[in-house]
Amino acid sequence: MLKFHIKPLIKAKGFKANTQFLKSRYGFSHYNSVKLMNGDARTLNLDLLETMCINLNCTPNDLINYTPDPKLILPPDHELHKIKKSDSLWNPIEHLKMLAPEDINEITKFIQEYKQKKANPS
């Protein structure tokens, strides 16, 4: 089953993941904000999806999660498995809180180097 996976991404980006975020930034109603944050929404206008991707610097695959349906067995190499997410990977701030300052400095250096490589590919 495909579900929206918006709340973990918003948190990972350092924003407060609540319904007010969706209402103020994208104009969602309270009802739709709650459904999206809880992963219960079944539809989303493509224009809004694109706007969210632009503002969150992500792809639609980052906003959608695949949870296998026990009644439907897909081959292990099926493409839908690529968008299956683990919530533990989506909370980098919680991981950083547990590290010593020198470890955070190392990670910061790594991120800077990574961003430079992405900006200036060889």
C-alpha atoms as a PDB file:
ATOM      1  CA  MET A   1       0.000   0.000   0.000  1.00  0.00           C
ATOM      2  CA  LEU A   2       1.228   3.464  -0.839  1.00  0.00           C
ATOM      3  CA  LYS A   3       0.928   6.152   1.837  1.00  0.00           C
ATOM      4  CA  PHE A   4       2.166   9.677   2.192  1.00  0.00           C
ATOM      5  CA  HIS A   5       5.296   9.896   4.334  1.00  0.00           C
ATOM      6  CA  ILE A   6       5.398  13.643   4.827  1.00  0.00           C
ATOM      7  CA  LYS A   7       5.770  14.102   8.585  1.00  0.00           C
ATOM      8  CA  PRO A   8       9.165  12.332   8.892  1.00  0.00           C
ATOM      9  CA  LEU A   9      10.579  14.285   5.948  1.00  0.00           C
ATOM     10  CA  ILE A  10       9.439  17.619   7.372  1.00  0.00           C
ATOM     11  CA  LYS A  11      11.017  16.718  10.727  1.00  0.00           C
ATOM     12  CA  ALA A  12      14.252  15.599   9.039  1.00  0.00           C
ATOM     13  CA  LYS A  13      14.420  18.962   7.267  1.00  0.00           C
ATOM     14  CA  GLY A  14      14.335  20.688  10.660  1.00  0.00           C
ATOM     15  CA  PHE A  15      10.781  22.032  10.511  1.00  0.00           C
ATOM     16  CA  LYS A  16       8.137  21.534  13.163  1.00  0.00           C
ATOM     17  CA  ALA A  17       6.003  18.777  11.671  1.00  0.00           C
ATOM     18  CA  ASN A  18       2.462  19.738  12.546  1.00  0.00           C
ATOM     19  CA  THR A  19      -0.711  20.537  10.691  1.00  0.00           C
ATOM     20  CA  GLN A  20      -0.012  24.274  10.940  1.00  0.00           C
ATOM     21  CA  PHE A  21       3.068  23.775   8.733  1.00  0.00           C
ATOM     22  CA  LEU A  22       0.939  22.420   5.890  1.00  0.00           C
ATOM     23  CA  LYS A  23      -1.846  24.944   6.419  1.00  0.00           C
ATOM     24  CA  SER A  24       0.379  28.021   6.458  1.00  0.00           C
ATOM     25  CA  ARG A  25       2.874  26.956   3.807  1.00  0.00           C
ATOM     26  CA  TYR A  26       0.615  25.213   1.317  1.00  0.00           C
ATOM     27  CA  GLY A  27      -2.896  26.345   2.179  1.00  0.00           C
ATOM     28  CA  PHE A  28      -4.217  22.917   3.179  1.00  0.00           C
ATOM     29  CA  SER A  29      -7.403  22.750   5.206  1.00  0.00           C
ATOM     30  CA  HIS A  30      -7.133  21.470   8.777  1.00  0.00           C
ATOM     31  CA  TYR A  31      -8.810  18.206   7.723  1.00  0.00           C
ATOM     32  CA  ASN A  32      -6.401  17.580   4.830  1.00  0.00           C
ATOM     33  CA  SER A  33      -3.379  18.604   6.920  1.00  0.00           C
ATOM     34  CA  VAL A  34      -4.262  16.045   9.574  1.00  0.00           C
ATOM     35  CA  LYS A  35      -4.790  13.317   6.965  1.00  0.00           C
ATOM     36  CA  LEU A  36      -1.470  14.086   5.240  1.00  0.00           C
ATOM     37  CA  MET A  37       0.532  14.251   8.464  1.00  0.00           C
ATOM     38  CA  ASN A  38      -0.935  10.946   9.633  1.00  0.00           C
ATOM     39  CA  GLY A  39      -0.357   9.272   6.268  1.00  0.00           C
ATOM     40  CA  ASP A  40      -4.089   8.722   5.808  1.00  0.00           C
ATOM     41  CA  ALA A  41      -4.622  10.914   2.729  1.00  0.00           C
ATOM     42  CA  ARG A  42      -5.320   8.982  -0.468  1.00  0.00           C
ATOM     43  CA  THR A  43      -5.019  11.829  -2.988  1.00  0.00           C
ATOM     44  CA  LEU A  44      -2.957  14.960  -3.511  1.00  0.00           C
ATOM     45  CA  ASN A  45      -3.159  17.464  -6.338  1.00  0.00           C
ATOM     46  CA  LEU A  46      -0.049  17.217  -8.551  1.00  0.00           C
ATOM     47  CA  ASP A  47       0.490  20.973  -8.390  1.00  0.00           C
ATOM     48  CA  LEU A  48       0.623  20.798  -4.578  1.00  0.00           C
ATOM     49  CA  LEU A  49       2.899  17.755  -4.735  1.00  0.00           C
ATOM     50  CA  GLU A  50       5.253  19.655  -7.033  1.00  0.00           C
ATOM     51  CA  THR A  51       5.184  22.728  -4.768  1.00  0.00           C
ATOM     52  CA  MET A  52       6.017  20.584  -1.745  1.00  0.00           C
ATOM     53  CA  CYS A  53       8.883  18.918  -3.618  1.00  0.00           C
ATOM     54  CA  ILE A  54      10.275  22.298  -4.657  1.00  0.00           C
ATOM     55  CA  ASN A  55      10.048  23.780  -1.160  1.00  0.00           C
ATOM     56  CA  LEU A  56      11.369  20.686   0.627  1.00  0.00           C
ATOM     57  CA  ASN A  57      14.028  20.000  -2.033  1.00  0.00           C
ATOM     58  CA  CYS A  58      12.867  16.419  -2.552  1.00  0.00           C
ATOM     59  CA  THR A  59      11.208  14.120  -5.067  1.00  0.00           C
ATOM     60  CA  PRO A  60       7.700  12.624  -4.941  1.00  0.00           C
ATOM     61  CA  ASN A  61       9.329   9.329  -3.925  1.00  0.00           C
ATOM     62  CA  ASP A  62      10.581  11.050  -0.755  1.00  0.00           C
ATOM     63  CA  LEU A  63       6.987  11.941   0.161  1.00  0.00           C
ATOM     64  CA  ILE A  64       5.536   8.482  -0.470  1.00  0.00           C
ATOM     65  CA  ASN A  65       6.152   5.239   1.390  1.00  0.00           C
ATOM     66  CA  TYR A  66       5.410   1.708   0.263  1.00  0.00           C
ATOM     67  CA  THR A  67       4.236  -0.787   2.866  1.00  0.00           C
ATOM     68  CA  PRO A  68       3.859  -4.296   1.441  1.00  0.00           C
ATOM     69  CA  ASP A  69       0.353  -5.715   1.503  1.00  0.00           C
ATOM     70  CA  PRO A  70       0.509  -9.203   3.060  1.00  0.00           C
ATOM     71  CA  LYS A  71      -2.112 -10.390   0.549  1.00  0.00           C
ATOM     72  CA  LEU A  72      -0.011  -9.275  -2.420  1.00  0.00           C
ATOM     73  CA  ILE A  73       3.412 -10.850  -2.812  1.00  0.00           C
ATOM     74  CA  LEU A  74       5.762  -8.820  -4.990  1.00  0.00           C
ATOM     75  CA  PRO A  75       9.112 -10.115  -6.219  1.00  0.00           C
ATOM     76  CA  PRO A  76      12.015  -8.860  -4.066  1.00  0.00           C
ATOM     77  CA  ASP A  77      13.402  -6.812  -6.967  1.00  0.00           C
ATOM     78  CA  HIS A  78      10.114  -4.985  -7.657  1.00  0.00           C
ATOM     79  CA  GLU A  79      10.542  -1.212  -8.053  1.00  0.00           C
ATOM     80  CA  LEU A  80       8.044  -0.392  -5.279  1.00  0.00           C
ATOM     81  CA  HIS A  81      10.475  -1.776  -2.696  1.00  0.00           C
ATOM     82  CA  LYS A  82      12.783   1.146  -3.502  1.00  0.00           C
ATOM     83  CA  ILE A  83      10.412   3.620  -1.861  1.00  0.00           C
ATOM     84  CA  LYS A  84       9.934   1.586   1.316  1.00  0.00           C
ATOM     85  CA  LYS A  85      11.156   3.732   4.195  1.00  0.00           C
ATOM     86  CA  SER A  86      12.390   3.173   7.705  1.00  0.00           C
ATOM     87  CA  ASP A  87      11.380   5.900  10.157  1.00  0.00           C
ATOM     88  CA  SER A  88      14.648   5.508  12.057  1.00  0.00           C
ATOM     89  CA  LEU A  89      16.570   6.817   9.044  1.00  0.00           C
ATOM     90  CA  TRP A  90      14.462   9.960   8.843  1.00  0.00           C
ATOM     91  CA  ASN A  91      15.388  11.581  12.110  1.00  0.00           C
ATOM     92  CA  PRO A  92      18.996  12.765  11.821  1.00  0.00           C
ATOM     93  CA  ILE A  93      18.600  15.384  14.546  1.00  0.00           C
ATOM     94  CA  GLU A  94      17.811  12.714  17.139  1.00  0.00           C
ATOM     95  CA  HIS A  95      20.933  10.811  16.057  1.00  0.00           C
ATOM     96  CA  LEU A  96      23.057  13.954  16.292  1.00  0.00           C
ATOM     97  CA  LYS A  97      21.840  14.706  19.815  1.00  0.00           C
ATOM     98  CA  MET A  98      23.492  11.495  20.980  1.00  0.00           C
ATOM     99  CA  LEU A  99      26.938  12.323  19.547  1.00  0.00           C
ATOM    100  CA  ALA A 100      29.924  14.028  21.121  1.00  0.00           C
ATOM    101  CA  PRO A 101      30.790  17.500  19.780  1.00  0.00           C
ATOM    102  CA  GLU A 102      33.906  16.233  17.956  1.00  0.00           C
ATOM    103  CA  ASP A 103      31.752  13.646  16.150  1.00  0.00           C
ATOM    104  CA  ILE A 104      29.313  16.354  15.096  1.00  0.00           C
ATOM    105  CA  ASN A 105      32.244  18.396  13.747  1.00  0.00           C
ATOM    106  CA  GLU A 106      33.364  15.395  11.666  1.00  0.00           C
ATOM    107  CA  ILE A 107      29.870  14.933  10.278  1.00  0.00           C
ATOM    108  CA  THR A 108      29.662  18.646   9.484  1.00  0.00           C
ATOM    109  CA  LYS A 109      32.943  18.438   7.551  1.00  0.00           C
ATOM    110  CA  PHE A 110      31.663  15.391   5.682  1.00  0.00           C
ATOM    111  CA  ILE A 111      28.453  17.201   4.748  1.00  0.00           C
ATOM    112  CA  GLN A 112      30.385  20.241   3.503  1.00  0.00           C
ATOM    113  CA  GLU A 113      32.648  18.029   1.374  1.00  0.00           C
ATOM    114  CA  TYR A 114      29.644  16.139   0.061  1.00  0.00           C
ATOM    115  CA  LYS A 115      27.871  19.358  -0.916  1.00  0.00           C
ATOM    116  CA  GLN A 116      31.012  20.588  -2.700  1.00  0.00           C
ATOM    117  CA  LYS A 117      31.242  17.318  -4.665  1.00  0.00           C
ATOM    118  CA  LYS A 118      27.570  17.597  -5.635  1.00  0.00           C
ATOM    119  CA  ALA A 119      28.019  21.219  -6.693  1.00  0.00           C
ATOM    120  CA  ASN A 120      31.236  20.549  -8.644  1.00  0.00           C
ATOM    121  CA  PRO A 121      31.071  17.022 -10.092  1.00  0.00           C
ATOM    122  CA  SER A 122      34.300  15.900 -11.771  1.00  0.00           C
END
